[in-house]
């Protein structure tokens, strides 16, 4: 039996790695549209090297979500609200998971098997 090892690349979703032209091709938007979304605060690319906009995987995913919502007929004000609410939901879910882990770590195993003891 042959065993193969595969290297798994861990990608930092927040690492700036793409220029605007590459992102525009990836999400099928004109670069000027992406710049407009930046000007109204829907997207915030980093500028690690002077004035060059650099986009992360998270930025690309956000732009794809914006494209999806606008194609469904949601206006940009609605897109902004939806994205903000999604971020709040994700933060709350992470907090619930953190609290569950803390609770699980603090509750002895015997009390789970015998509630009310």
N, C-alpha and C. Protein backbone atom coordinates (compact mmCIF):
# COMPACT_ATOMS: atom_id res chain seq x y z
N UNK A 1 0.84 -1.18 0.00
CA UNK A 1 0.00 0.00 0.00
C UNK A 1 0.88 1.24 0.00
N UNK A 2 0.63 2.10 -0.93
CA UNK A 2 1.43 3.32 -1.05
C UNK A 2 0.78 4.45 -0.26
N UNK A 3 1.57 5.13 0.52
CA UNK A 3 1.08 6.26 1.31
C UNK A 3 1.63 7.53 0.70
N UNK A 4 0.75 8.45 0.42
CA UNK A 4 1.18 9.73 -0.15
C UNK A 4 0.93 10.84 0.84
N UNK A 5 1.87 11.74 0.91
CA UNK A 5 1.72 12.91 1.78
C UNK A 5 1.48 14.12 0.90
N UNK A 6 0.52 14.91 1.31
CA UNK A 6 0.21 16.12 0.56
C UNK A 6 0.44 17.32 1.46
N UNK A 7 1.05 18.33 0.89
CA UNK A 7 1.25 19.57 1.64
C UNK A 7 -0.03 20.38 1.54
N UNK A 8 -0.46 20.89 2.65
CA UNK A 8 -1.65 21.72 2.68
C UNK A 8 -1.21 23.14 2.96
N UNK A 9 -1.54 24.03 2.04
CA UNK A 9 -1.18 25.43 2.21
C UNK A 9 -2.26 26.12 3.04
N UNK A 10 -1.83 26.72 4.12
CA UNK A 10 -2.76 27.48 4.95
C UNK A 10 -2.78 28.90 4.41
N UNK A 11 -3.96 29.35 4.03
CA UNK A 11 -4.10 30.66 3.43
C UNK A 11 -4.66 31.63 4.45
N UNK A 12 -3.96 32.72 4.65
CA UNK A 12 -4.45 33.79 5.51
C UNK A 12 -5.46 34.59 4.69
N UNK A 13 -6.73 34.50 5.06
CA UNK A 13 -7.79 35.16 4.29
C UNK A 13 -7.66 36.68 4.28
N UNK A 14 -6.90 37.23 5.21
CA UNK A 14 -6.78 38.68 5.30
C UNK A 14 -5.49 39.22 4.68
N UNK A 15 -4.65 38.34 4.17
CA UNK A 15 -3.39 38.78 3.58
C UNK A 15 -3.64 39.41 2.21
N UNK A 16 -3.22 40.67 2.02
CA UNK A 16 -3.41 41.30 0.71
C UNK A 16 -2.53 40.60 -0.33
N UNK A 17 -3.16 40.15 -1.44
CA UNK A 17 -2.39 39.42 -2.43
C UNK A 17 -2.77 39.73 -3.87
N UNK A 18 -3.88 40.39 -4.12
CA UNK A 18 -4.34 40.64 -5.49
C UNK A 18 -4.44 42.12 -5.79
N UNK A 19 -4.07 42.49 -7.02
CA UNK A 19 -4.27 43.87 -7.50
C UNK A 19 -5.68 43.98 -8.06
N UNK A 20 -6.11 45.19 -8.25
CA UNK A 20 -7.49 45.45 -8.65
C UNK A 20 -7.85 44.78 -9.99
N UNK A 21 -6.92 44.75 -10.93
CA UNK A 21 -7.20 44.12 -12.22
C UNK A 21 -7.51 42.63 -12.10
N UNK A 22 -6.74 41.95 -11.27
CA UNK A 22 -6.97 40.52 -11.05
C UNK A 22 -8.31 40.30 -10.35
N UNK A 23 -8.59 41.14 -9.37
CA UNK A 23 -9.85 41.01 -8.63
C UNK A 23 -11.03 41.28 -9.56
N UNK A 24 -10.91 42.29 -10.39
CA UNK A 24 -11.99 42.63 -11.33
C UNK A 24 -12.31 41.43 -12.23
N UNK A 25 -11.27 40.74 -12.69
CA UNK A 25 -11.48 39.56 -13.53
C UNK A 25 -12.10 38.43 -12.72
N UNK A 26 -11.68 38.27 -11.47
CA UNK A 26 -12.19 37.19 -10.63
C UNK A 26 -13.68 37.34 -10.33
N UNK A 27 -14.12 38.58 -10.10
CA UNK A 27 -15.52 38.81 -9.71
C UNK A 27 -16.36 39.37 -10.85
N UNK A 28 -15.76 39.52 -12.00
CA UNK A 28 -16.43 40.00 -13.20
C UNK A 28 -17.08 41.37 -13.01
N UNK A 29 -16.27 42.31 -12.49
CA UNK A 29 -16.67 43.70 -12.35
C UNK A 29 -15.62 44.58 -13.00
N UNK A 30 -16.02 45.76 -13.41
CA UNK A 30 -15.06 46.73 -13.92
C UNK A 30 -14.28 47.29 -12.73
N UNK A 31 -12.98 47.54 -12.90
CA UNK A 31 -12.20 48.11 -11.80
C UNK A 31 -12.81 49.40 -11.23
N UNK A 32 -13.42 50.21 -12.10
CA UNK A 32 -14.03 51.45 -11.62
C UNK A 32 -15.20 51.17 -10.68
N UNK A 33 -15.93 50.09 -10.93
CA UNK A 33 -17.03 49.70 -10.04
C UNK A 33 -16.47 49.32 -8.68
N UNK A 34 -15.38 48.59 -8.66
CA UNK A 34 -14.74 48.20 -7.40
C UNK A 34 -14.25 49.44 -6.66
N UNK A 35 -13.69 50.40 -7.40
CA UNK A 35 -13.25 51.66 -6.77
C UNK A 35 -14.44 52.41 -6.18
N UNK A 36 -15.57 52.38 -6.89
CA UNK A 36 -16.77 53.03 -6.37
C UNK A 36 -17.23 52.36 -5.08
N UNK A 37 -17.25 51.03 -5.07
CA UNK A 37 -17.62 50.31 -3.85
C UNK A 37 -16.70 50.68 -2.70
N UNK A 38 -15.43 50.89 -3.00
CA UNK A 38 -14.49 51.34 -1.97
C UNK A 38 -14.86 52.75 -1.50
N UNK A 39 -15.20 53.62 -2.42
CA UNK A 39 -15.50 55.01 -2.05
C UNK A 39 -16.73 55.14 -1.17
N UNK A 40 -17.68 54.19 -1.30
CA UNK A 40 -18.88 54.24 -0.45
C UNK A 40 -18.76 53.33 0.77
N UNK A 41 -17.61 52.70 0.93
CA UNK A 41 -17.34 51.94 2.14
C UNK A 41 -17.76 50.48 2.14
N UNK A 42 -18.12 49.94 0.99
CA UNK A 42 -18.51 48.53 0.94
C UNK A 42 -17.30 47.59 0.99
N UNK A 43 -16.17 48.09 0.57
CA UNK A 43 -14.94 47.30 0.53
C UNK A 43 -13.79 48.20 0.97
N UNK A 44 -12.80 47.61 1.63
CA UNK A 44 -11.67 48.41 2.13
C UNK A 44 -10.36 47.66 1.89
N UNK A 45 -9.82 47.76 0.67
CA UNK A 45 -8.56 47.07 0.39
C UNK A 45 -7.41 47.73 1.16
N UNK A 46 -6.36 46.97 1.34
CA UNK A 46 -5.18 47.54 1.99
C UNK A 46 -4.30 48.18 0.93
N UNK A 47 -3.47 49.06 1.37
CA UNK A 47 -2.51 49.71 0.49
C UNK A 47 -1.12 49.56 1.11
N UNK A 48 -0.59 48.33 1.11
CA UNK A 48 0.68 48.09 1.80
C UNK A 48 1.88 48.75 1.15
N UNK A 49 1.83 48.95 -0.13
CA UNK A 49 2.96 49.56 -0.85
C UNK A 49 2.53 50.88 -1.49
N UNK A 50 2.47 51.89 -0.69
CA UNK A 50 2.08 53.19 -1.24
C UNK A 50 0.62 53.25 -1.57
N UNK A 51 0.31 53.61 -2.80
CA UNK A 51 -1.08 53.82 -3.20
C UNK A 51 -1.69 52.60 -3.89
N UNK A 52 -0.96 51.52 -4.04
CA UNK A 52 -1.47 50.34 -4.72
C UNK A 52 -2.51 49.61 -3.87
N UNK A 53 -3.70 49.45 -4.43
CA UNK A 53 -4.74 48.69 -3.72
C UNK A 53 -4.41 47.21 -3.81
N UNK A 54 -4.47 46.54 -2.67
CA UNK A 54 -4.25 45.10 -2.64
C UNK A 54 -5.43 44.46 -1.92
N UNK A 55 -5.95 43.40 -2.51
CA UNK A 55 -7.15 42.75 -2.01
C UNK A 55 -6.83 41.36 -1.48
N UNK A 56 -7.50 40.99 -0.41
CA UNK A 56 -7.31 39.69 0.22
C UNK A 56 -8.39 38.72 -0.27
N UNK A 57 -8.25 37.47 0.14
CA UNK A 57 -9.29 36.47 -0.17
C UNK A 57 -10.63 36.90 0.43
N UNK A 58 -10.58 37.47 1.64
CA UNK A 58 -11.81 37.93 2.30
C UNK A 58 -12.45 39.07 1.49
N UNK A 59 -11.63 39.98 0.94
CA UNK A 59 -12.16 41.06 0.11
C UNK A 59 -12.83 40.51 -1.14
N UNK A 60 -12.20 39.51 -1.76
CA UNK A 60 -12.76 38.91 -2.98
C UNK A 60 -14.09 38.24 -2.65
N UNK A 61 -14.16 37.52 -1.54
CA UNK A 61 -15.41 36.87 -1.14
C UNK A 61 -16.49 37.91 -0.89
N UNK A 62 -16.11 39.02 -0.27
CA UNK A 62 -17.08 40.10 0.00
C UNK A 62 -17.59 40.69 -1.31
N UNK A 63 -16.69 40.92 -2.26
CA UNK A 63 -17.11 41.44 -3.56
C UNK A 63 -18.04 40.46 -4.28
N UNK A 64 -17.74 39.18 -4.17
CA UNK A 64 -18.63 38.18 -4.79
C UNK A 64 -20.02 38.23 -4.16
N UNK A 65 -20.07 38.43 -2.86
CA UNK A 65 -21.36 38.52 -2.17
C UNK A 65 -22.10 39.78 -2.63
N UNK A 66 -21.38 40.90 -2.79
CA UNK A 66 -21.99 42.14 -3.28
C UNK A 66 -22.57 41.92 -4.67
N UNK A 67 -21.80 41.28 -5.54
CA UNK A 67 -22.27 40.99 -6.90
C UNK A 67 -23.53 40.12 -6.85
N UNK A 68 -23.50 39.09 -6.02
CA UNK A 68 -24.66 38.20 -5.88
C UNK A 68 -25.90 38.96 -5.43
N UNK A 69 -25.75 39.80 -4.44
CA UNK A 69 -26.90 40.54 -3.91
C UNK A 69 -27.43 41.55 -4.92
N UNK A 70 -26.54 42.26 -5.60
CA UNK A 70 -27.01 43.26 -6.57
C UNK A 70 -27.69 42.58 -7.76
N UNK A 71 -27.21 41.41 -8.13
CA UNK A 71 -27.86 40.68 -9.23
C UNK A 71 -29.24 40.17 -8.83
N UNK A 72 -29.45 40.02 -7.53
CA UNK A 72 -30.77 39.63 -7.03
C UNK A 72 -31.71 40.82 -6.92
N UNK A 73 -31.18 42.03 -7.19
CA UNK A 73 -32.01 43.24 -7.17
C UNK A 73 -31.88 44.07 -5.91
N UNK A 74 -30.95 43.72 -5.02
CA UNK A 74 -30.76 44.50 -3.79
C UNK A 74 -29.94 45.74 -4.14
N UNK A 75 -30.41 46.91 -3.69
CA UNK A 75 -29.65 48.13 -3.96
C UNK A 75 -28.45 48.20 -3.00
N UNK A 76 -27.53 49.13 -3.25
CA UNK A 76 -26.29 49.18 -2.49
C UNK A 76 -26.51 49.50 -1.01
N UNK A 77 -27.54 50.28 -0.70
CA UNK A 77 -27.84 50.55 0.71
C UNK A 77 -28.28 49.25 1.39
N UNK A 78 -29.07 48.46 0.70
CA UNK A 78 -29.49 47.17 1.23
C UNK A 78 -28.33 46.20 1.36
N UNK A 79 -27.43 46.23 0.39
CA UNK A 79 -26.24 45.39 0.44
C UNK A 79 -25.43 45.72 1.69
N UNK A 80 -25.25 46.99 1.95
CA UNK A 80 -24.48 47.42 3.13
C UNK A 80 -25.12 46.89 4.42
N UNK A 81 -26.42 46.99 4.52
CA UNK A 81 -27.13 46.51 5.72
C UNK A 81 -27.00 45.00 5.85
N UNK A 82 -27.19 44.29 4.75
CA UNK A 82 -27.09 42.82 4.77
C UNK A 82 -25.70 42.39 5.19
N UNK A 83 -24.68 43.01 4.62
CA UNK A 83 -23.31 42.63 4.97
C UNK A 83 -23.00 42.92 6.44
N UNK A 84 -23.48 44.05 6.93
CA UNK A 84 -23.26 44.40 8.34
C UNK A 84 -23.95 43.39 9.25
N UNK A 85 -25.19 43.03 8.91
CA UNK A 85 -25.92 42.05 9.72
C UNK A 85 -25.26 40.67 9.68
N UNK A 86 -24.75 40.28 8.51
CA UNK A 86 -24.05 39.00 8.41
C UNK A 86 -22.80 38.99 9.29
N UNK A 87 -22.07 40.10 9.30
CA UNK A 87 -20.88 40.20 10.16
C UNK A 87 -21.26 40.11 11.63
N UNK A 88 -22.36 40.76 12.00
CA UNK A 88 -22.81 40.70 13.40
C UNK A 88 -23.22 39.28 13.77
N UNK A 89 -23.90 38.60 12.88
CA UNK A 89 -24.32 37.21 13.13
C UNK A 89 -23.08 36.32 13.32
N UNK A 90 -22.09 36.47 12.44
CA UNK A 90 -20.87 35.67 12.55
C UNK A 90 -20.16 35.95 13.87
N UNK A 91 -20.10 37.21 14.29
CA UNK A 91 -19.45 37.56 15.56
C UNK A 91 -20.22 36.94 16.74
N UNK A 92 -21.54 37.00 16.68
CA UNK A 92 -22.36 36.41 17.75
C UNK A 92 -22.22 34.89 17.78
N UNK A 93 -22.16 34.26 16.62
CA UNK A 93 -21.97 32.81 16.57
C UNK A 93 -20.63 32.41 17.17
N UNK A 94 -19.59 33.19 16.86
CA UNK A 94 -18.26 32.91 17.42
C UNK A 94 -18.29 33.07 18.93
N UNK A 95 -18.99 34.08 19.42
CA UNK A 95 -19.10 34.31 20.86
C UNK A 95 -19.86 33.16 21.54
N UNK A 96 -20.92 32.69 20.92
CA UNK A 96 -21.68 31.56 21.47
C UNK A 96 -20.77 30.32 21.54
N UNK A 97 -20.02 30.06 20.49
CA UNK A 97 -19.11 28.91 20.49
C UNK A 97 -18.05 29.06 21.58
N UNK A 98 -17.52 30.25 21.76
CA UNK A 98 -16.52 30.50 22.80
C UNK A 98 -17.12 30.25 24.17
N UNK A 99 -18.33 30.74 24.40
CA UNK A 99 -19.00 30.55 25.69
C UNK A 99 -19.34 29.08 25.93
N UNK A 100 -19.76 28.39 24.87
CA UNK A 100 -20.05 26.95 25.01
C UNK A 100 -18.78 26.19 25.41
N UNK A 101 -17.67 26.53 24.79
CA UNK A 101 -16.41 25.86 25.11
C UNK A 101 -16.00 26.15 26.56
N UNK A 102 -16.18 27.39 27.00
CA UNK A 102 -15.87 27.74 28.39
C UNK A 102 -16.77 26.96 29.34
N UNK A 103 -18.05 26.89 29.02
CA UNK A 103 -19.00 26.17 29.87
C UNK A 103 -18.66 24.68 29.92
N UNK A 104 -18.37 24.11 28.77
CA UNK A 104 -18.04 22.68 28.72
C UNK A 104 -16.78 22.39 29.54
N UNK A 105 -15.83 23.31 29.52
CA UNK A 105 -14.60 23.13 30.28
C UNK A 105 -14.83 23.28 31.78
N UNK A 106 -15.85 24.00 32.17
CA UNK A 106 -16.07 24.26 33.59
C UNK A 106 -17.07 23.31 34.24
N UNK A 107 -17.82 22.55 33.46
CA UNK A 107 -18.82 21.64 34.01
C UNK A 107 -18.20 20.25 34.14
N UNK A 108 -18.19 19.68 35.35
CA UNK A 108 -17.65 18.32 35.52
C UNK A 108 -18.47 17.31 34.71
N UNK A 109 -17.81 16.29 34.22
CA UNK A 109 -18.46 15.29 33.39
C UNK A 109 -19.58 14.56 34.14
N UNK A 110 -19.44 14.34 35.44
CA UNK A 110 -20.46 13.61 36.21
C UNK A 110 -21.79 14.36 36.23
N UNK A 111 -21.74 15.71 36.27
CA UNK A 111 -22.99 16.47 36.33
C UNK A 111 -23.75 16.41 35.01
N UNK A 112 -23.03 16.17 33.90
CA UNK A 112 -23.71 16.01 32.62
C UNK A 112 -24.46 14.67 32.58
N UNK A 113 -23.87 13.65 33.17
CA UNK A 113 -24.49 12.32 33.16
C UNK A 113 -25.66 12.24 34.14
N UNK A 114 -25.60 13.06 35.21
CA UNK A 114 -26.65 13.04 36.24
C UNK A 114 -27.15 14.45 36.49
N UNK A 115 -27.98 14.98 35.59
CA UNK A 115 -28.48 16.34 35.79
C UNK A 115 -29.27 16.43 37.09
N UNK A 116 -29.12 17.55 37.74
CA UNK A 116 -29.84 17.82 38.96
C UNK A 116 -29.17 17.26 40.18
N UNK A 117 -27.97 16.66 40.06
CA UNK A 117 -27.29 16.11 41.24
C UNK A 117 -26.52 17.15 41.97
